[in-house]
N, C-alpha and C. Protein backbone atom coordinates (compact mmCIF):
# COMPACT_ATOMS: atom_id res chain seq x y z
N UNK A 1 -14.67 138.82 186.24
CA UNK A 1 -13.57 139.28 184.86
C UNK A 1 -14.47 140.19 184.13
N UNK A 2 -15.90 139.85 183.79
CA UNK A 2 -16.51 140.39 182.63
C UNK A 2 -16.39 141.98 182.95
N UNK A 3 -16.77 142.55 184.20
CA UNK A 3 -16.67 144.04 184.24
C UNK A 3 -15.39 144.39 184.03
N UNK A 4 -14.40 143.84 184.47
CA UNK A 4 -12.98 144.43 184.15
C UNK A 4 -12.77 144.28 182.72
N UNK A 5 -13.02 143.38 181.71
CA UNK A 5 -13.24 143.24 180.48
C UNK A 5 -13.76 144.24 179.60
N UNK A 6 -14.94 144.68 180.22
CA UNK A 6 -15.68 145.83 179.52
C UNK A 6 -14.87 147.19 180.00
N UNK A 7 -14.47 147.50 181.06
CA UNK A 7 -13.84 148.55 181.73
C UNK A 7 -12.72 148.88 180.65
N UNK A 8 -11.75 147.77 180.43
CA UNK A 8 -10.55 148.04 179.89
C UNK A 8 -10.71 148.07 178.42
N UNK A 9 -11.77 147.67 177.75
CA UNK A 9 -11.98 147.55 176.39
C UNK A 9 -12.64 148.88 176.05
N UNK A 10 -13.57 149.45 176.90
CA UNK A 10 -14.20 150.79 176.81
C UNK A 10 -12.90 151.80 176.76
N UNK A 11 -12.00 151.74 177.82
CA UNK A 11 -10.93 152.74 177.96
C UNK A 11 -10.20 152.64 176.94
N UNK A 12 -10.07 151.60 176.29
CA UNK A 12 -8.80 151.22 175.07
C UNK A 12 -9.51 151.77 173.80
N UNK A 13 -10.71 152.14 173.55
CA UNK A 13 -11.57 152.04 172.33
C UNK A 13 -10.64 153.10 171.52
N UNK A 14 -10.18 152.58 170.23
CA UNK A 14 -9.26 153.45 169.70
C UNK A 14 -9.29 152.54 168.27
N UNK A 15 -8.97 153.55 166.95
CA UNK A 15 -8.51 152.97 165.60
C UNK A 15 -7.35 153.08 165.44
N UNK A 16 -6.93 152.27 164.51
CA UNK A 16 -5.42 152.04 164.13
C UNK A 16 -5.45 152.15 162.66
N UNK A 17 -4.21 152.17 162.09
CA UNK A 17 -3.92 152.11 160.54
C UNK A 17 -3.23 150.93 160.11
N UNK A 18 -3.17 151.00 158.81
CA UNK A 18 -2.67 149.52 158.22
C UNK A 18 -1.15 149.12 158.66
N UNK A 19 -1.34 147.68 158.38
CA UNK A 19 -0.02 146.91 158.98
C UNK A 19 0.79 146.45 157.96
N UNK A 20 2.01 146.87 157.87
CA UNK A 20 2.95 146.24 156.81
C UNK A 20 4.03 145.33 157.54
N UNK A 21 4.79 144.54 156.86
CA UNK A 21 5.83 143.53 157.43
C UNK A 21 7.01 143.72 156.55
N UNK A 22 8.13 143.44 157.32
CA UNK A 22 9.33 143.32 156.66
C UNK A 22 10.09 142.10 157.01
N UNK A 23 10.89 141.66 155.94
CA UNK A 23 11.62 140.23 156.21
C UNK A 23 12.29 140.11 157.50
N UNK A 24 12.25 139.08 158.09
CA UNK A 24 12.95 138.93 159.51
C UNK A 24 14.26 138.06 159.13
N UNK A 25 15.26 138.47 159.23
CA UNK A 25 16.72 137.58 158.90
C UNK A 25 16.82 136.40 159.90
N UNK A 26 17.09 135.35 159.44
CA UNK A 26 17.45 134.31 160.14
C UNK A 26 16.08 133.66 160.43
N UNK A 27 15.07 133.89 159.78
CA UNK A 27 13.84 133.10 159.79
C UNK A 27 13.37 132.56 158.67
N UNK A 28 12.70 131.50 158.84
CA UNK A 28 12.16 130.77 157.56
C UNK A 28 10.92 131.19 157.01
N UNK A 29 11.00 131.36 155.65
CA UNK A 29 9.61 132.03 155.11
C UNK A 29 8.61 130.79 155.11
N UNK A 30 7.36 131.28 155.12
CA UNK A 30 6.37 130.42 154.86
C UNK A 30 6.29 129.58 153.74
N UNK A 31 5.99 128.63 153.67
CA UNK A 31 5.63 127.76 152.34
C UNK A 31 4.69 128.56 151.43
N UNK A 32 4.51 128.39 150.28
CA UNK A 32 3.55 128.86 149.51
C UNK A 32 2.38 128.35 149.93
N UNK A 33 1.42 129.47 149.72
CA UNK A 33 -0.06 128.92 149.81
C UNK A 33 -0.41 128.53 151.55
N UNK A 34 0.56 128.70 152.34
CA UNK A 34 0.22 128.54 153.81
C UNK A 34 -0.07 130.02 154.43
N UNK A 35 -1.43 130.11 155.00
CA UNK A 35 -1.79 131.33 155.52
C UNK A 35 -0.84 131.94 156.51
N UNK A 36 -0.54 133.23 156.64
CA UNK A 36 0.30 134.08 157.20
C UNK A 36 -0.57 135.05 157.95
N UNK A 37 0.01 135.24 159.03
CA UNK A 37 -0.81 136.30 159.84
C UNK A 37 0.16 137.41 160.60
N UNK A 38 -0.44 138.41 160.74
CA UNK A 38 0.19 139.55 161.87
C UNK A 38 -0.39 139.52 162.93
N UNK A 39 0.44 139.47 163.99
CA UNK A 39 -0.01 139.53 165.30
C UNK A 39 0.63 140.56 166.26
N UNK A 40 -0.17 141.40 166.99
CA UNK A 40 0.21 142.57 167.57
C UNK A 40 -0.10 142.42 169.08
N UNK A 41 0.68 142.71 170.10
CA UNK A 41 0.15 142.56 171.57
C UNK A 41 0.67 143.76 172.32
N UNK A 42 -0.16 144.21 173.07
CA UNK A 42 0.34 145.18 174.28
C UNK A 42 0.00 144.48 175.44
N UNK A 43 1.21 144.12 176.44
CA UNK A 43 1.09 143.73 177.58
C UNK A 43 1.12 144.72 178.53
N UNK A 44 0.24 144.75 179.70
CA UNK A 44 0.42 145.91 180.57
C UNK A 44 -0.12 145.37 181.99
N UNK A 45 0.30 146.01 182.85
CA UNK A 45 0.31 145.86 184.31
C UNK A 45 -0.96 146.72 184.92
N UNK A 46 -1.76 146.38 186.06
CA UNK A 46 -2.59 147.26 186.60
C UNK A 46 -2.04 147.79 187.76
N UNK A 47 -2.00 149.10 187.97
CA UNK A 47 -1.44 149.76 189.00
C UNK A 47 -2.36 149.80 190.45
N UNK A 48 -3.41 149.28 190.30
CA UNK A 48 -4.29 148.99 191.67
C UNK A 48 -5.08 147.82 191.19
N UNK A 49 -5.53 147.01 192.51
CA UNK A 49 -6.16 145.53 192.45
C UNK A 49 -7.32 145.92 191.50
N UNK A 50 -7.41 144.86 190.33
CA UNK A 50 -8.61 144.88 189.70
C UNK A 50 -9.64 143.73 190.10
N UNK A 51 -9.07 142.94 191.15
CA UNK A 51 -10.04 141.92 191.83
C UNK A 51 -9.65 141.66 193.25
N UNK A 52 -10.03 140.59 193.53
CA UNK A 52 -9.99 140.29 195.09
C UNK A 52 -8.78 139.45 195.49
N UNK A 53 -8.42 139.44 196.64
CA UNK A 53 -7.72 138.32 197.05
C UNK A 53 -7.75 136.80 196.89
N UNK A 54 -6.95 136.26 196.29
CA UNK A 54 -7.00 134.60 195.97
C UNK A 54 -5.51 133.82 196.37
N UNK A 55 -5.72 132.56 196.13
CA UNK A 55 -4.69 131.98 196.61
C UNK A 55 -3.67 131.69 195.39
N UNK A 56 -3.11 132.91 195.51
CA UNK A 56 -1.92 133.10 194.55
C UNK A 56 -0.80 131.97 194.44
N UNK A 57 -0.50 131.44 195.44
CA UNK A 57 0.46 130.22 195.49
C UNK A 57 0.37 129.25 194.50
N UNK A 58 -1.26 128.92 194.64
CA UNK A 58 -1.77 127.78 193.64
C UNK A 58 -1.62 127.86 192.24
N UNK A 59 -1.52 129.01 191.98
CA UNK A 59 -1.39 129.58 190.40
C UNK A 59 0.03 129.45 189.87
N UNK A 60 1.02 129.56 190.63
CA UNK A 60 2.57 129.67 190.37
C UNK A 60 2.99 128.55 189.84
N UNK A 61 3.80 128.90 188.78
CA UNK A 61 4.48 127.60 188.34
C UNK A 61 5.67 128.20 187.44
N UNK A 62 6.53 127.32 187.03
CA UNK A 62 7.74 127.94 186.47
C UNK A 62 7.85 127.31 185.00
N UNK A 63 7.14 126.52 184.50
CA UNK A 63 7.08 126.04 183.14
C UNK A 63 6.09 126.81 182.30
N UNK A 64 6.28 126.64 181.13
CA UNK A 64 5.33 127.25 180.00
C UNK A 64 4.96 126.29 178.90
N UNK A 65 4.22 126.92 177.79
CA UNK A 65 3.90 125.66 176.99
C UNK A 65 5.01 125.03 176.09
N UNK A 66 6.04 125.71 176.05
CA UNK A 66 7.18 125.20 175.22
C UNK A 66 8.28 124.46 175.79
N UNK A 67 7.92 124.33 177.09
CA UNK A 67 8.81 123.29 177.97
C UNK A 67 9.86 124.25 178.84
N UNK A 68 10.83 123.72 179.57
CA UNK A 68 11.51 124.20 180.61
C UNK A 68 12.35 125.65 180.00
N UNK A 69 12.59 126.49 180.65
CA UNK A 69 13.13 127.65 180.46
C UNK A 69 12.99 128.37 179.20
N UNK A 70 11.79 128.27 178.67
CA UNK A 70 11.17 128.95 177.48
C UNK A 70 11.87 128.43 176.26
N UNK A 71 12.34 127.02 176.14
CA UNK A 71 12.87 126.42 175.04
C UNK A 71 12.19 126.96 173.85
N UNK A 72 12.69 127.31 172.53
CA UNK A 72 11.95 127.47 171.36
C UNK A 72 11.47 126.13 170.72
N UNK A 73 10.15 126.38 170.24
CA UNK A 73 9.63 124.96 169.72
C UNK A 73 10.50 124.89 168.33
N UNK A 74 10.91 123.48 168.15
CA UNK A 74 11.44 123.06 167.05
C UNK A 74 11.01 123.24 165.66
N UNK A 75 11.23 123.85 164.68
CA UNK A 75 10.36 123.80 163.49
C UNK A 75 10.35 122.61 162.73
N UNK A 76 11.20 121.68 163.38
CA UNK A 76 11.16 120.04 162.85
C UNK A 76 9.71 119.43 163.13
N UNK A 77 9.10 119.96 164.46
CA UNK A 77 7.67 119.44 164.67
C UNK A 77 6.77 119.66 163.52
N UNK A 78 5.96 118.58 163.30
CA UNK A 78 4.91 118.70 162.23
C UNK A 78 4.15 120.00 162.50
N UNK A 79 4.05 120.47 161.47
CA UNK A 79 2.98 121.81 161.62
C UNK A 79 3.37 122.83 162.51
N UNK A 80 4.44 122.89 162.90
CA UNK A 80 4.96 123.93 163.99
C UNK A 80 4.84 125.54 162.98
N UNK A 81 4.58 126.43 163.81
CA UNK A 81 4.39 127.65 163.21
C UNK A 81 5.88 128.48 162.94
N UNK A 82 5.91 129.21 162.08
CA UNK A 82 7.13 129.76 161.91
C UNK A 82 6.92 131.27 161.87
N UNK A 83 7.85 131.93 162.41
CA UNK A 83 8.12 133.29 162.38
C UNK A 83 8.60 133.80 160.89
N UNK A 84 8.06 134.73 160.26
CA UNK A 84 8.08 135.00 159.07
C UNK A 84 8.74 136.38 158.47
N UNK A 85 8.41 137.39 159.65
CA UNK A 85 8.59 138.89 159.35
C UNK A 85 8.52 139.64 160.80
N UNK A 86 9.04 140.59 160.79
CA UNK A 86 8.93 141.52 161.81
C UNK A 86 7.99 142.73 161.43
N UNK A 87 7.43 143.33 162.31
CA UNK A 87 6.77 144.48 162.09
C UNK A 87 7.20 145.84 162.70
N UNK A 88 7.54 146.94 161.89
CA UNK A 88 7.99 147.99 162.26
C UNK A 88 7.14 148.79 163.16
N UNK A 89 7.57 149.38 164.23
CA UNK A 89 6.89 150.06 165.28
C UNK A 89 6.10 150.99 164.60
N UNK A 90 6.40 151.71 163.34
CA UNK A 90 5.47 152.80 162.73
C UNK A 90 4.19 152.26 161.94
N UNK A 91 4.07 150.88 162.12
CA UNK A 91 3.07 150.31 161.47
C UNK A 91 2.36 149.48 162.51
N UNK A 92 2.54 149.60 163.77
CA UNK A 92 1.83 149.12 164.81
C UNK A 92 0.21 149.64 164.72
N UNK A 93 -0.77 148.64 164.90
CA UNK A 93 -2.16 149.00 164.84
C UNK A 93 -2.64 149.58 166.22
N UNK A 94 -1.87 149.12 167.62
CA UNK A 94 -2.13 149.25 168.91
C UNK A 94 -1.49 150.44 169.76
N UNK A 95 -0.81 151.31 168.71
CA UNK A 95 -0.15 152.52 169.47
C UNK A 95 -0.92 153.19 170.16
N UNK A 96 -2.30 153.75 169.51
CA UNK A 96 -2.83 154.92 170.33
C UNK A 96 -3.44 154.03 171.79
N UNK A 97 -3.73 152.74 171.63
CA UNK A 97 -4.03 152.11 172.94
C UNK A 97 -3.16 151.85 173.82
N UNK A 98 -1.88 151.94 173.47
CA UNK A 98 -0.67 151.93 174.34
C UNK A 98 -0.62 153.24 174.92
N UNK A 99 -0.74 154.15 174.10
CA UNK A 99 -0.65 155.63 174.41
C UNK A 99 -1.83 156.03 175.84
N UNK A 100 -2.68 155.32 175.13
CA UNK A 100 -4.01 155.63 176.47
C UNK A 100 -3.71 155.12 177.82
N UNK A 101 -3.15 153.74 177.66
CA UNK A 101 -2.65 152.98 178.93
C UNK A 101 -1.80 153.51 179.58
N UNK A 102 -0.72 154.05 179.14
CA UNK A 102 0.54 154.98 179.67
C UNK A 102 -0.25 156.12 180.28
N UNK A 103 -1.01 156.76 179.60
CA UNK A 103 -1.44 158.21 180.24
C UNK A 103 -2.43 158.09 181.50
N UNK A 104 -2.84 156.84 181.49
CA UNK A 104 -4.07 156.61 182.55
C UNK A 104 -3.19 156.34 183.89
N UNK A 105 -4.32 156.20 184.73
CA UNK A 105 -3.40 156.10 186.22
C UNK A 105 -3.92 154.88 186.61
N UNK A 106 -4.25 153.93 185.98
CA UNK A 106 -4.61 152.54 186.25
C UNK A 106 -3.86 151.59 185.87
N UNK A 107 -3.37 152.01 184.74
CA UNK A 107 -2.37 150.84 184.09
C UNK A 107 -1.12 151.11 183.41
N UNK A 108 -0.21 150.22 183.31
CA UNK A 108 1.09 150.76 182.85
C UNK A 108 1.47 149.78 181.44
N UNK A 109 1.77 150.05 180.50
CA UNK A 109 2.47 149.20 179.54
C UNK A 109 3.71 148.59 179.92
N UNK A 110 4.05 147.41 179.92
CA UNK A 110 5.31 147.04 179.83
C UNK A 110 5.79 146.33 178.71
N UNK A 111 5.10 146.03 177.69
CA UNK A 111 5.68 145.44 176.66
C UNK A 111 4.65 145.77 175.42
N UNK A 112 5.26 145.85 174.13
CA UNK A 112 4.43 146.13 172.88
C UNK A 112 5.24 145.62 171.50
N UNK A 113 4.68 144.60 170.97
CA UNK A 113 5.33 144.01 170.00
C UNK A 113 4.51 143.43 168.85
N UNK A 114 5.10 143.42 167.46
CA UNK A 114 4.15 142.71 166.26
C UNK A 114 5.20 142.05 165.59
N UNK A 115 4.33 140.70 164.85
CA UNK A 115 5.40 140.01 164.12
C UNK A 115 4.37 139.23 163.23
N UNK A 116 4.99 138.66 162.14
CA UNK A 116 4.25 137.81 161.18
C UNK A 116 4.62 136.30 161.50
N UNK A 117 3.78 135.64 161.30
CA UNK A 117 4.03 134.21 161.47
C UNK A 117 2.73 133.22 160.74
N UNK A 118 3.11 131.77 160.72
CA UNK A 118 2.07 130.90 160.48
C UNK A 118 1.40 130.49 161.52
N UNK A 119 0.24 129.70 161.32
CA UNK A 119 -0.13 128.98 162.67
C UNK A 119 -0.05 127.63 162.78
N UNK A 120 -0.04 127.49 164.25
CA UNK A 120 0.18 125.88 164.50
C UNK A 120 -1.18 125.17 164.43
N UNK A 121 -0.94 124.04 164.21
CA UNK A 121 -2.54 123.24 164.18
C UNK A 121 -3.22 123.09 165.74
N UNK A 122 -4.47 123.35 165.75
CA UNK A 122 -5.25 123.46 166.86
C UNK A 122 -4.91 122.56 167.83
N UNK A 123 -4.72 123.06 169.13
CA UNK A 123 -4.74 121.86 170.15
C UNK A 123 -3.14 121.80 170.51
N UNK A 124 -2.16 121.94 169.45
CA UNK A 124 -0.86 121.65 169.74
C UNK A 124 -0.07 122.23 170.91
N UNK A 125 -0.09 123.52 170.85
CA UNK A 125 0.31 124.33 171.86
C UNK A 125 1.71 124.76 171.58
N UNK A 126 1.85 124.51 169.99
CA UNK A 126 3.24 125.02 169.62
C UNK A 126 3.39 126.40 169.67
N UNK A 127 4.08 127.03 170.67
CA UNK A 127 4.11 128.30 170.64
C UNK A 127 5.67 128.83 170.64
N UNK A 128 5.80 130.56 170.71
CA UNK A 128 7.07 131.06 170.70
C UNK A 128 7.37 131.57 172.00
N UNK A 129 8.65 131.52 172.59
CA UNK A 129 8.82 132.31 173.94
C UNK A 129 9.10 133.64 173.54
N UNK A 130 8.65 134.55 174.61
CA UNK A 130 8.50 135.87 174.49
C UNK A 130 9.95 136.36 173.66
N UNK A 131 10.88 136.08 173.80
CA UNK A 131 12.37 136.70 173.60
C UNK A 131 12.31 136.43 171.94
N UNK A 132 11.88 135.46 171.56
CA UNK A 132 11.71 135.31 170.19
C UNK A 132 10.85 136.25 169.04
N UNK A 133 9.84 136.93 170.30
CA UNK A 133 8.83 137.37 169.48
C UNK A 133 9.34 139.05 169.70
N UNK A 134 10.46 139.36 170.14
CA UNK A 134 10.90 140.82 170.61
C UNK A 134 10.25 141.31 171.69
N UNK A 135 9.80 140.69 172.63
CA UNK A 135 9.19 140.99 174.06
C UNK A 135 10.20 140.84 175.12
N UNK A 136 10.24 141.95 175.66
CA UNK A 136 11.26 141.75 177.13
C UNK A 136 10.79 142.86 177.94
N UNK A 137 10.50 142.49 179.20
CA UNK A 137 9.99 142.82 180.29
C UNK A 137 10.41 142.26 181.80
N UNK A 138 10.91 143.14 182.51
CA UNK A 138 11.35 142.63 183.82
C UNK A 138 10.16 141.58 184.45
N UNK A 139 10.64 140.49 184.66
CA UNK A 139 9.54 139.63 185.33
C UNK A 139 8.71 138.84 184.73
N UNK A 140 8.62 139.08 183.19
CA UNK A 140 7.85 138.59 182.41
C UNK A 140 8.47 137.47 181.69
N UNK A 141 7.57 136.37 181.51
CA UNK A 141 8.01 135.23 180.75
C UNK A 141 6.99 134.30 180.29
N UNK A 142 7.11 133.57 179.47
CA UNK A 142 6.00 132.67 178.87
C UNK A 142 6.21 132.47 177.49
N UNK A 143 5.09 131.89 176.93
CA UNK A 143 4.89 131.71 175.45
C UNK A 143 3.56 132.29 174.77
N UNK A 144 3.48 132.41 173.60
CA UNK A 144 2.42 132.92 172.81
C UNK A 144 2.19 132.05 171.47
N UNK A 145 1.07 131.32 171.44
CA UNK A 145 0.83 130.39 170.32
C UNK A 145 -0.50 131.10 169.59
N UNK A 146 -0.46 130.74 168.29
CA UNK A 146 -1.41 131.06 167.12
C UNK A 146 -2.08 129.75 166.73
N UNK A 147 -3.06 129.34 166.96
CA UNK A 147 -3.33 128.05 166.35
C UNK A 147 -4.46 128.02 165.23
N UNK A 148 -4.48 127.07 164.41
CA UNK A 148 -5.72 127.19 163.41
C UNK A 148 -6.32 125.80 163.49
N UNK A 149 -7.68 125.66 163.37
CA UNK A 149 -8.55 124.67 163.30
C UNK A 149 -9.54 125.08 162.28
N UNK A 150 -10.78 124.77 162.84
CA UNK A 150 -11.91 125.23 162.05
C UNK A 150 -11.81 126.87 162.38
N UNK A 151 -11.39 127.29 163.28
CA UNK A 151 -11.16 128.74 163.56
C UNK A 151 -10.05 129.03 164.22
N UNK A 152 -9.57 130.37 164.05
CA UNK A 152 -8.23 130.70 164.59
C UNK A 152 -8.22 131.15 166.10
N UNK A 153 -7.30 130.71 166.77
CA UNK A 153 -7.11 130.94 168.43
C UNK A 153 -5.88 131.34 168.66
N UNK A 154 -5.79 132.18 169.65
CA UNK A 154 -4.68 132.98 170.25
C UNK A 154 -4.59 132.25 171.59
N UNK A 155 -3.45 132.28 172.12
CA UNK A 155 -3.24 131.39 173.37
C UNK A 155 -2.20 132.15 174.21
N UNK A 156 -2.11 132.42 175.32
CA UNK A 156 -1.20 132.95 176.03
C UNK A 156 -0.99 132.25 177.22
N UNK A 157 0.36 131.95 177.58
CA UNK A 157 0.78 131.03 178.86
C UNK A 157 1.89 131.94 179.37
N UNK A 158 1.57 133.00 180.09
CA UNK A 158 2.37 134.02 180.74
C UNK A 158 2.56 133.96 182.03
N UNK A 159 3.73 133.90 182.68
CA UNK A 159 4.01 134.25 184.25
C UNK A 159 4.77 135.67 184.23
N UNK A 160 4.32 136.36 185.30
CA UNK A 160 4.59 137.98 185.66
C UNK A 160 5.12 137.85 187.15
N UNK A 161 6.08 138.39 187.53
CA UNK A 161 6.39 138.54 188.73
C UNK A 161 6.75 139.97 188.90
N UNK A 162 6.09 140.71 189.14
CA UNK A 162 6.53 142.21 189.13
C UNK A 162 7.03 142.72 190.55
N UNK A 163 7.78 143.76 190.62
CA UNK A 163 8.55 144.37 191.33
C UNK A 163 7.71 144.46 193.01
N UNK A 164 6.50 144.93 192.47
CA UNK A 164 5.74 145.24 193.50
C UNK A 164 4.14 144.83 193.05
N UNK A 165 3.30 144.42 193.92
CA UNK A 165 1.99 143.93 193.60
C UNK A 165 0.96 145.12 194.07
N UNK A 166 -0.25 144.97 193.52
CA UNK A 166 -1.46 145.97 193.77
C UNK A 166 -1.89 145.62 194.95
N UNK A 167 -2.10 146.89 196.22
CA UNK A 167 -2.58 146.55 197.37
C UNK A 167 -3.84 145.81 197.29
N UNK A 168 -4.10 145.04 198.33
CA UNK A 168 -5.64 144.36 198.28
C UNK A 168 -5.70 143.02 197.47
N UNK A 169 -4.39 142.64 197.20
CA UNK A 169 -4.45 141.09 196.82
C UNK A 169 -3.95 140.32 197.42
N UNK A 170 -3.35 140.56 198.43
CA UNK A 170 -2.81 139.85 199.70
C UNK A 170 -1.82 138.78 198.85
N UNK A 171 -0.58 139.36 198.07
CA UNK A 171 0.07 138.56 197.56
C UNK A 171 1.36 138.65 198.17
N UNK A 172 2.31 137.55 198.54
CA UNK A 172 3.39 137.92 198.95
C UNK A 172 4.46 138.30 198.13
N UNK A 173 5.54 138.94 198.51
CA UNK A 173 6.59 139.62 197.42
C UNK A 173 7.18 138.44 196.81
N UNK A 174 7.41 138.77 195.40
CA UNK A 174 7.81 137.64 194.75
C UNK A 174 6.95 136.63 194.18
N UNK A 175 5.56 136.63 194.43
CA UNK A 175 4.77 136.07 193.92
C UNK A 175 4.64 135.82 192.27
N UNK A 176 4.56 134.92 191.40
CA UNK A 176 4.53 134.74 190.18
C UNK A 176 3.11 134.57 189.85
N UNK A 177 2.41 135.51 189.09
CA UNK A 177 1.10 135.42 188.53
C UNK A 177 1.26 134.74 187.40
N UNK A 178 -0.08 134.08 186.97
CA UNK A 178 -0.24 133.45 185.73
C UNK A 178 -1.24 133.80 185.00
N UNK A 179 -1.17 134.02 183.62
CA UNK A 179 -2.20 134.32 182.72
C UNK A 179 -2.15 133.15 181.63
N UNK A 180 -2.96 132.28 181.64
CA UNK A 180 -3.18 131.21 180.88
C UNK A 180 -4.44 131.01 180.05
N UNK A 181 -4.65 131.44 179.00
CA UNK A 181 -5.98 131.65 178.26
C UNK A 181 -5.75 131.66 176.83
N UNK A 182 -6.66 130.87 176.07
CA UNK A 182 -6.64 130.77 174.79
C UNK A 182 -8.24 131.12 174.59
N UNK A 183 -8.31 131.89 173.32
CA UNK A 183 -9.74 132.57 172.85
C UNK A 183 -9.62 132.58 171.52
N UNK A 184 -10.73 132.01 170.60
CA UNK A 184 -10.82 132.25 169.36
C UNK A 184 -10.85 133.85 168.82
N UNK A 185 -10.14 134.23 167.88
CA UNK A 185 -9.91 135.54 167.38
C UNK A 185 -10.70 135.64 166.09
N UNK A 186 -11.12 136.69 165.89
CA UNK A 186 -11.38 137.25 164.43
C UNK A 186 -10.59 138.40 163.81
N UNK A 187 -10.29 138.34 162.70
CA UNK A 187 -9.43 139.34 161.87
C UNK A 187 -9.88 140.81 162.47
N UNK A 188 -8.97 141.86 162.70
CA UNK A 188 -9.21 142.99 162.82
C UNK A 188 -9.80 143.49 164.12
N UNK A 189 -10.33 142.52 164.91
CA UNK A 189 -10.81 142.99 166.26
C UNK A 189 -9.83 142.73 167.48
N UNK A 190 -10.04 143.87 168.10
CA UNK A 190 -9.10 143.84 169.58
C UNK A 190 -9.75 142.77 170.32
N UNK A 191 -8.75 141.99 170.91
CA UNK A 191 -9.06 140.98 172.26
C UNK A 191 -8.34 141.19 173.40
N UNK A 192 -9.05 141.24 174.36
CA UNK A 192 -8.64 141.50 176.09
C UNK A 192 -8.56 140.01 176.41
N UNK A 193 -7.21 139.75 177.01
CA UNK A 193 -6.94 138.64 178.12
C UNK A 193 -6.55 139.27 179.29
N UNK A 194 -7.29 138.77 180.15
CA UNK A 194 -7.45 139.56 181.45
C UNK A 194 -7.08 138.80 182.88
N UNK A 195 -6.58 139.53 183.70
CA UNK A 195 -6.14 138.92 185.05
C UNK A 195 -5.95 140.11 185.92
N UNK A 196 -6.16 139.85 187.37
CA UNK A 196 -6.31 140.92 188.35
C UNK A 196 -5.19 141.78 188.22
N UNK A 197 -4.06 141.35 187.84
CA UNK A 197 -2.58 141.76 188.20
C UNK A 197 -2.00 142.54 186.46
N UNK A 198 -2.13 141.78 185.68
CA UNK A 198 -1.62 142.27 184.15
C UNK A 198 -2.58 141.65 183.19
N UNK A 199 -2.53 142.38 182.08
CA UNK A 199 -3.38 141.56 180.90
C UNK A 199 -2.92 141.96 179.40
N UNK A 200 -3.42 141.39 178.20
CA UNK A 200 -3.15 141.74 177.18
C UNK A 200 -4.23 142.02 176.07
N UNK A 201 -3.80 142.95 175.36
CA UNK A 201 -4.67 143.32 174.20
C UNK A 201 -3.89 143.00 173.11
N UNK A 202 -4.73 142.30 172.20
CA UNK A 202 -4.13 141.73 170.97
C UNK A 202 -4.95 142.04 169.68
N UNK A 203 -4.39 142.17 168.54
CA UNK A 203 -4.99 142.07 167.30
C UNK A 203 -4.36 141.01 166.30
N UNK A 204 -5.10 140.15 165.46
CA UNK A 204 -4.66 139.35 164.58
C UNK A 204 -5.34 139.71 163.20
N UNK A 205 -4.36 140.04 162.23
CA UNK A 205 -4.89 140.29 161.03
C UNK A 205 -4.10 139.28 159.73
N UNK A 206 -4.84 139.10 158.75
CA UNK A 206 -4.04 138.48 157.64
C UNK A 206 -3.44 139.10 156.99
N UNK A 207 -1.90 138.35 156.54
CA UNK A 207 -1.07 139.21 155.53
C UNK A 207 -1.54 139.29 154.15
N UNK A 208 -2.35 138.57 153.85
CA UNK A 208 -3.12 138.48 152.27
C UNK A 208 -4.49 137.86 152.60
N UNK A 209 -5.54 138.73 152.39
CA UNK A 209 -6.93 138.52 152.68
C UNK A 209 -7.09 136.90 152.04
N UNK A 210 -7.97 136.17 152.45
CA UNK A 210 -8.28 134.97 151.91
C UNK A 210 -9.60 134.74 152.25
N UNK A 211 -10.46 134.11 151.53
CA UNK A 211 -12.01 133.81 151.79
C UNK A 211 -11.85 132.80 153.12
N UNK A 212 -12.71 133.20 153.88
CA UNK A 212 -13.30 132.17 155.20
C UNK A 212 -12.02 132.48 156.13
N UNK A 213 -12.20 131.50 157.18
CA UNK A 213 -11.39 131.84 158.28
C UNK A 213 -11.15 130.35 158.99
């Protein structure tokens, strides 16, 4: 996995510009003094095998962090994160990275979105289904959670059933691939979540800078 991560991060080395946010209708605003964050993700598929054949059937499952059928987390849950704003495409930070992926012969972007939210408590797994975040791609489902304890963590629990799979992975037609990974994130740093079939590049930034993380 490490050599794949280095390869993709090297390929995607790029700078980006500032990020603004606009109000999102029908969403609750964050309470005063609750830290709010901008989260941006590029989800992409590999056009060639990035790993060796595995027992893919053992990884397949139909549920995600927030329950059956991607049910949204209730804001009644104590400490559940809130979506507070959407981010216009003109202010994305990962646009150049998406362009480089699209121009490559090895990867294909399948979704790019950004939003503003508060964080759930660490370990709660209270995330949002993809459709609530403006992410829609054929065969892709799951949830994304931002959690805060002593540090900030970004958690992906994604299922992806591509129309075709890279040769060399010995995956049967209709195989659902699972990316389930949580990682500590630092502000303004790009983070790569990898899998032999698809992956995510993400960045988290504070809406208002505050001392400490």
